[in-house]
Amino acid sequence: MKHTKKPYGLPASYRIKRKKIFDTLFSQGNSIYEYPFKIIYAETELPEPVPYQVAFGVSKKKFKKAVRRNRIKRLMRETFRLKQEFLKPGKPIALLIIYTSSKEESFDFLLMQMEKILSHLTEKLQNHGPA
């Protein structure tokens, strides 16, 4: 049986794994903030033939227990997976999505905010270029 691409998948090829890409994000990246997310993004060469690669981060200072940090990252990945159609980059980009709140927000709220910030990012990329 032949497998077709799931419309809402987030395969491993879409995850940032290389230190070089993280270094590029921190040295040359631009950012957008929409509570409770901050996205750091940069146009860059990606090792895979994909339109974007993404990573997720949660502050160890705000969430001491790894269980809570991992839960928030899981929620972030899920909201991104469901709302990724709002992200339409022209060139390959790397994204780091950081959770900035000091409390756990509801899944529905995160879903709504992820849609907002991805739409904002797409608009910024298409209208103004990388800067």
N, C-alpha and C. Protein backbone atom coordinates (compact mmCIF):
# COMPACT_ATOMS: atom_id res chain seq x y z
N MET A 1 0.84 -1.18 0.00
CA MET A 1 0.00 0.00 0.00
C MET A 1 0.89 1.25 0.00
N LYS A 2 0.58 2.20 -0.87
CA LYS A 2 1.38 3.41 -0.98
C LYS A 2 0.90 4.47 0.02
N HIS A 3 1.86 5.09 0.71
CA HIS A 3 1.52 6.12 1.69
C HIS A 3 1.52 7.48 1.02
N THR A 4 0.54 8.29 1.36
CA THR A 4 0.51 9.66 0.87
C THR A 4 0.84 10.58 2.04
N LYS A 5 1.33 11.77 1.72
CA LYS A 5 1.70 12.71 2.77
C LYS A 5 0.45 13.16 3.52
N LYS A 6 0.53 13.08 4.86
CA LYS A 6 -0.58 13.56 5.67
C LYS A 6 -0.59 15.08 5.61
N PRO A 7 -1.77 15.70 5.48
CA PRO A 7 -1.81 17.16 5.35
C PRO A 7 -1.33 17.89 6.61
N TYR A 8 -1.40 17.24 7.78
CA TYR A 8 -1.03 17.93 9.01
C TYR A 8 0.16 17.29 9.70
N GLY A 9 1.01 16.60 8.96
CA GLY A 9 2.16 15.95 9.58
C GLY A 9 3.26 16.95 9.92
N LEU A 10 4.16 16.54 10.79
CA LEU A 10 5.36 17.32 11.07
C LEU A 10 6.52 16.33 11.17
N PRO A 11 6.99 15.86 10.01
CA PRO A 11 8.03 14.83 10.01
C PRO A 11 9.37 15.35 10.55
N ALA A 12 10.26 14.43 10.83
CA ALA A 12 11.57 14.75 11.40
C ALA A 12 12.36 15.69 10.50
N SER A 13 12.18 15.63 9.19
CA SER A 13 12.93 16.49 8.27
C SER A 13 12.59 17.98 8.47
N TYR A 14 11.49 18.27 9.15
CA TYR A 14 11.07 19.65 9.41
C TYR A 14 11.59 20.16 10.76
N ARG A 15 12.37 19.36 11.48
CA ARG A 15 12.90 19.76 12.79
C ARG A 15 14.36 20.20 12.64
N ILE A 16 14.73 21.24 13.34
CA ILE A 16 16.12 21.69 13.31
C ILE A 16 16.94 20.73 14.17
N LYS A 17 18.04 20.25 13.58
CA LYS A 17 18.91 19.34 14.33
C LYS A 17 20.36 19.81 14.33
N ARG A 18 20.71 20.75 13.49
CA ARG A 18 22.11 21.17 13.35
C ARG A 18 22.42 22.42 14.16
N LYS A 19 23.53 22.38 14.86
CA LYS A 19 23.98 23.50 15.67
C LYS A 19 24.20 24.74 14.80
N LYS A 20 24.69 24.52 13.58
CA LYS A 20 24.95 25.64 12.66
C LYS A 20 23.68 26.46 12.41
N ILE A 21 22.55 25.79 12.29
CA ILE A 21 21.28 26.50 12.05
C ILE A 21 20.88 27.29 13.29
N PHE A 22 21.06 26.69 14.47
CA PHE A 22 20.76 27.42 15.72
C PHE A 22 21.67 28.65 15.84
N ASP A 23 22.95 28.49 15.50
CA ASP A 23 23.89 29.62 15.56
C ASP A 23 23.44 30.73 14.62
N THR A 24 22.99 30.37 13.41
CA THR A 24 22.49 31.36 12.45
C THR A 24 21.28 32.10 13.01
N LEU A 25 20.37 31.35 13.63
CA LEU A 25 19.18 31.97 14.22
C LEU A 25 19.55 33.01 15.27
N PHE A 26 20.48 32.65 16.15
CA PHE A 26 20.84 33.56 17.24
C PHE A 26 21.70 34.73 16.78
N SER A 27 22.48 34.55 15.72
CA SER A 27 23.36 35.64 15.27
C SER A 27 22.68 36.55 14.26
N GLN A 28 21.86 35.98 13.34
CA GLN A 28 21.28 36.78 12.26
C GLN A 28 19.77 36.82 12.27
N GLY A 29 19.14 36.17 13.23
CA GLY A 29 17.69 36.04 13.21
C GLY A 29 16.94 37.30 13.59
N ASN A 30 15.74 37.41 13.07
CA ASN A 30 14.79 38.46 13.44
C ASN A 30 13.74 37.81 14.33
N SER A 31 12.97 38.63 15.05
CA SER A 31 11.97 38.01 15.92
C SER A 31 10.62 38.72 15.84
N ILE A 32 9.60 37.96 16.18
CA ILE A 32 8.22 38.43 16.26
C ILE A 32 7.68 37.94 17.59
N TYR A 33 6.91 38.77 18.26
CA TYR A 33 6.35 38.37 19.54
C TYR A 33 4.82 38.46 19.49
N GLU A 34 4.18 37.43 19.95
CA GLU A 34 2.71 37.40 20.09
C GLU A 34 2.46 36.50 21.30
N TYR A 35 2.06 37.10 22.42
CA TYR A 35 1.92 36.34 23.66
C TYR A 35 1.18 35.03 23.41
N PRO A 36 1.65 33.92 23.89
CA PRO A 36 2.84 33.63 24.71
C PRO A 36 4.03 33.14 23.89
N PHE A 37 4.06 33.43 22.59
CA PHE A 37 5.14 32.92 21.74
C PHE A 37 6.05 34.04 21.25
N LYS A 38 7.32 33.68 21.10
CA LYS A 38 8.29 34.53 20.41
C LYS A 38 8.90 33.64 19.34
N ILE A 39 8.89 34.12 18.10
CA ILE A 39 9.51 33.36 17.01
C ILE A 39 10.78 34.09 16.58
N ILE A 40 11.87 33.36 16.56
CA ILE A 40 13.12 33.86 15.99
C ILE A 40 13.25 33.14 14.65
N TYR A 41 13.43 33.91 13.57
CA TYR A 41 13.46 33.31 12.24
C TYR A 41 14.61 33.89 11.43
N ALA A 42 15.09 33.09 10.49
CA ALA A 42 16.15 33.54 9.59
C ALA A 42 16.07 32.75 8.30
N GLU A 43 16.27 33.45 7.18
CA GLU A 43 16.38 32.75 5.89
C GLU A 43 17.76 32.11 5.87
N THR A 44 17.81 30.83 5.57
CA THR A 44 19.08 30.12 5.60
C THR A 44 19.03 28.88 4.72
N GLU A 45 20.18 28.35 4.41
CA GLU A 45 20.25 27.07 3.70
C GLU A 45 19.86 25.96 4.66
N LEU A 46 18.97 25.08 4.23
CA LEU A 46 18.55 23.96 5.07
C LEU A 46 19.14 22.67 4.51
N PRO A 47 19.48 21.73 5.39
CA PRO A 47 20.07 20.47 4.92
C PRO A 47 19.08 19.55 4.21
N GLU A 48 17.81 19.79 4.41
CA GLU A 48 16.76 18.97 3.79
C GLU A 48 16.02 19.82 2.76
N PRO A 49 15.39 19.22 1.74
CA PRO A 49 14.62 20.00 0.75
C PRO A 49 13.21 20.31 1.26
N VAL A 50 13.13 21.11 2.32
CA VAL A 50 11.84 21.47 2.92
C VAL A 50 11.74 23.00 2.97
N PRO A 51 10.51 23.56 3.04
CA PRO A 51 10.36 25.02 3.04
C PRO A 51 10.80 25.67 4.36
N TYR A 52 10.77 24.92 5.46
CA TYR A 52 11.18 25.46 6.75
C TYR A 52 11.59 24.32 7.68
N GLN A 53 12.37 24.70 8.70
CA GLN A 53 12.67 23.78 9.79
C GLN A 53 12.38 24.54 11.07
N VAL A 54 11.91 23.81 12.08
CA VAL A 54 11.43 24.45 13.29
C VAL A 54 11.96 23.73 14.54
N ALA A 55 12.12 24.51 15.60
CA ALA A 55 12.48 23.96 16.91
C ALA A 55 11.63 24.70 17.94
N PHE A 56 11.46 24.09 19.10
CA PHE A 56 10.61 24.65 20.15
C PHE A 56 11.39 24.75 21.44
N GLY A 57 11.18 25.83 22.19
CA GLY A 57 11.90 26.01 23.45
C GLY A 57 11.00 26.52 24.55
N VAL A 58 11.30 26.06 25.77
CA VAL A 58 10.58 26.50 26.97
C VAL A 58 11.63 26.79 28.03
N SER A 59 11.49 27.90 28.73
CA SER A 59 12.47 28.33 29.71
C SER A 59 12.55 27.40 30.92
N LYS A 60 13.78 26.99 31.22
CA LYS A 60 14.03 26.16 32.40
C LYS A 60 13.89 27.01 33.66
N LYS A 61 14.12 28.31 33.52
CA LYS A 61 14.02 29.21 34.66
C LYS A 61 12.55 29.37 35.10
N LYS A 62 11.64 29.42 34.13
CA LYS A 62 10.22 29.61 34.45
C LYS A 62 9.52 28.30 34.80
N PHE A 63 9.97 27.19 34.20
CA PHE A 63 9.37 25.87 34.45
C PHE A 63 10.48 24.93 34.91
N LYS A 64 10.61 24.80 36.22
CA LYS A 64 11.71 24.02 36.80
C LYS A 64 11.63 22.54 36.45
N LYS A 65 10.43 21.99 36.44
CA LYS A 65 10.27 20.56 36.22
C LYS A 65 10.22 20.22 34.73
N ALA A 66 11.03 19.25 34.34
CA ALA A 66 11.11 18.84 32.93
C ALA A 66 9.76 18.34 32.42
N VAL A 67 8.98 17.73 33.29
CA VAL A 67 7.67 17.22 32.91
C VAL A 67 6.79 18.35 32.37
N ARG A 68 6.81 19.49 33.05
CA ARG A 68 5.99 20.63 32.61
C ARG A 68 6.56 21.24 31.32
N ARG A 69 7.88 21.36 31.24
CA ARG A 69 8.50 21.91 30.01
C ARG A 69 8.17 21.02 28.82
N ASN A 70 8.28 19.71 29.01
CA ASN A 70 8.00 18.79 27.91
C ASN A 70 6.54 18.83 27.50
N ARG A 71 5.64 18.98 28.46
CA ARG A 71 4.22 19.08 28.14
C ARG A 71 3.95 20.33 27.29
N ILE A 72 4.54 21.44 27.68
CA ILE A 72 4.33 22.68 26.92
C ILE A 72 4.91 22.55 25.52
N LYS A 73 6.11 21.94 25.40
CA LYS A 73 6.69 21.74 24.06
C LYS A 73 5.81 20.84 23.21
N ARG A 74 5.22 19.82 23.84
CA ARG A 74 4.31 18.92 23.12
C ARG A 74 3.10 19.70 22.61
N LEU A 75 2.54 20.57 23.47
CA LEU A 75 1.39 21.39 23.06
C LEU A 75 1.80 22.35 21.93
N MET A 76 2.98 22.93 22.03
CA MET A 76 3.46 23.84 20.99
C MET A 76 3.63 23.10 19.66
N ARG A 77 4.22 21.91 19.70
CA ARG A 77 4.38 21.13 18.46
C ARG A 77 3.03 20.81 17.84
N GLU A 78 2.08 20.45 18.68
CA GLU A 78 0.75 20.09 18.18
C GLU A 78 0.05 21.30 17.58
N THR A 79 0.11 22.46 18.24
CA THR A 79 -0.54 23.65 17.69
C THR A 79 0.15 24.07 16.39
N PHE A 80 1.48 23.96 16.33
CA PHE A 80 2.19 24.29 15.10
C PHE A 80 1.78 23.33 13.98
N ARG A 81 1.72 22.06 14.31
CA ARG A 81 1.35 21.04 13.32
C ARG A 81 -0.03 21.34 12.72
N LEU A 82 -0.97 21.74 13.58
CA LEU A 82 -2.33 22.00 13.11
C LEU A 82 -2.46 23.33 12.36
N LYS A 83 -1.59 24.28 12.65
CA LYS A 83 -1.70 25.61 12.04
C LYS A 83 -0.60 25.92 11.03
N GLN A 84 0.20 24.92 10.65
CA GLN A 84 1.33 25.19 9.76
C GLN A 84 0.93 25.68 8.38
N GLU A 85 -0.34 25.48 7.98
CA GLU A 85 -0.74 25.98 6.66
C GLU A 85 -0.76 27.51 6.61
N PHE A 86 -0.72 28.17 7.78
CA PHE A 86 -0.67 29.64 7.81
C PHE A 86 0.74 30.16 7.55
N LEU A 87 1.72 29.26 7.54
CA LEU A 87 3.10 29.64 7.28
C LEU A 87 3.42 29.34 5.83
N LYS A 88 3.68 30.39 5.04
CA LYS A 88 3.99 30.22 3.62
C LYS A 88 5.24 31.02 3.28
N PRO A 89 6.42 30.46 3.63
CA PRO A 89 7.65 31.20 3.34
C PRO A 89 8.00 31.12 1.85
N GLY A 90 8.58 32.18 1.33
CA GLY A 90 9.01 32.17 -0.07
C GLY A 90 10.32 31.41 -0.23
N LYS A 91 11.23 31.61 0.70
CA LYS A 91 12.54 30.97 0.69
C LYS A 91 12.65 30.07 1.91
N PRO A 92 13.61 29.14 1.92
CA PRO A 92 13.78 28.28 3.11
C PRO A 92 14.11 29.11 4.35
N ILE A 93 13.40 28.84 5.43
CA ILE A 93 13.65 29.56 6.69
C ILE A 93 13.77 28.57 7.84
N ALA A 94 14.47 29.04 8.86
CA ALA A 94 14.58 28.29 10.12
C ALA A 94 13.81 29.07 11.17
N LEU A 95 13.06 28.36 12.00
CA LEU A 95 12.24 28.99 13.05
C LEU A 95 12.57 28.40 14.41
N LEU A 96 12.65 29.26 15.41
CA LEU A 96 12.74 28.81 16.79
C LEU A 96 11.56 29.44 17.49
N ILE A 97 10.64 28.61 17.97
CA ILE A 97 9.45 29.12 18.65
C ILE A 97 9.67 28.95 20.14
N ILE A 98 9.66 30.07 20.86
CA ILE A 98 9.92 30.07 22.29
C ILE A 98 8.65 30.42 23.04
N TYR A 99 8.40 29.67 24.11
CA TYR A 99 7.24 29.92 24.97
C TYR A 99 7.68 30.91 26.04
N THR A 100 7.02 32.06 26.11
CA THR A 100 7.47 33.13 27.00
C THR A 100 6.64 33.29 28.27
N SER A 101 5.48 32.69 28.34
CA SER A 101 4.64 32.85 29.52
C SER A 101 5.22 32.09 30.71
N SER A 102 4.84 32.51 31.91
CA SER A 102 5.32 31.79 33.10
C SER A 102 4.24 30.87 33.65
N LYS A 103 3.12 30.76 32.93
CA LYS A 103 2.07 29.81 33.33
C LYS A 103 1.62 29.01 32.12
N GLU A 104 1.07 27.83 32.38
CA GLU A 104 0.56 27.01 31.28
C GLU A 104 -0.76 27.57 30.79
N GLU A 105 -0.83 27.82 29.49
CA GLU A 105 -2.06 28.32 28.88
C GLU A 105 -2.84 27.14 28.32
N SER A 106 -4.14 27.37 28.05
CA SER A 106 -4.98 26.29 27.52
C SER A 106 -4.61 26.00 26.07
N PHE A 107 -4.90 24.78 25.64
CA PHE A 107 -4.61 24.36 24.27
C PHE A 107 -5.33 25.24 23.27
N ASP A 108 -6.59 25.57 23.52
CA ASP A 108 -7.36 26.40 22.59
C ASP A 108 -6.74 27.78 22.42
N PHE A 109 -6.28 28.36 23.53
CA PHE A 109 -5.63 29.67 23.47
C PHE A 109 -4.33 29.58 22.67
N LEU A 110 -3.53 28.54 22.92
CA LEU A 110 -2.28 28.35 22.20
C LEU A 110 -2.53 28.18 20.71
N LEU A 111 -3.58 27.45 20.37
CA LEU A 111 -3.94 27.22 18.96
C LEU A 111 -4.24 28.56 18.27
N MET A 112 -5.03 29.39 18.94
CA MET A 112 -5.41 30.69 18.38
C MET A 112 -4.18 31.60 18.22
N GLN A 113 -3.31 31.61 19.22
CA GLN A 113 -2.13 32.47 19.18
C GLN A 113 -1.11 31.98 18.14
N MET A 114 -1.00 30.66 17.97
CA MET A 114 -0.09 30.11 16.97
C MET A 114 -0.54 30.54 15.57
N GLU A 115 -1.85 30.49 15.34
CA GLU A 115 -2.39 30.94 14.04
C GLU A 115 -2.03 32.41 13.81
N LYS A 116 -2.21 33.25 14.83
CA LYS A 116 -1.92 34.67 14.71
C LYS A 116 -0.45 34.92 14.38
N ILE A 117 0.43 34.27 15.13
CA ILE A 117 1.86 34.56 14.94
C ILE A 117 2.38 34.01 13.62
N LEU A 118 1.87 32.87 13.18
CA LEU A 118 2.31 32.32 11.89
C LEU A 118 1.80 33.18 10.73
N SER A 119 0.58 33.69 10.85
CA SER A 119 0.04 34.60 9.82
C SER A 119 0.87 35.88 9.77
N HIS A 120 1.19 36.40 10.95
CA HIS A 120 2.00 37.62 11.05
C HIS A 120 3.38 37.40 10.43
N LEU A 121 3.98 36.25 10.70
CA LEU A 121 5.30 35.93 10.15
C LEU A 121 5.24 35.83 8.62
N THR A 122 4.23 35.15 8.09
CA THR A 122 4.09 35.01 6.63
C THR A 122 3.94 36.38 5.98
N GLU A 123 3.12 37.22 6.59
CA GLU A 123 2.92 38.59 6.07
C GLU A 123 4.23 39.35 6.07
N LYS A 124 4.98 39.24 7.14
CA LYS A 124 6.26 39.94 7.25
C LYS A 124 7.26 39.43 6.21
N LEU A 125 7.31 38.11 6.01
CA LEU A 125 8.24 37.53 5.04
C LEU A 125 7.89 37.94 3.61
N GLN A 126 6.60 37.98 3.29
CA GLN A 126 6.18 38.30 1.92
C GLN A 126 6.25 39.79 1.62
N ASN A 127 5.97 40.65 2.60
CA ASN A 127 5.94 42.09 2.35
C ASN A 127 7.28 42.78 2.50
N HIS A 128 8.05 42.37 3.50
CA HIS A 128 9.24 43.15 3.84
C HIS A 128 10.54 42.40 3.63
N GLY A 129 10.49 41.17 3.19
CA GLY A 129 11.73 40.41 3.07
C GLY A 129 12.20 39.98 4.45
N PRO A 130 13.47 39.61 4.59
CA PRO A 130 13.95 39.07 5.85
C PRO A 130 14.10 40.09 6.96
N ALA A 131 14.29 41.37 6.65
CA ALA A 131 14.53 42.36 7.70
C ALA A 131 13.28 42.92 8.31
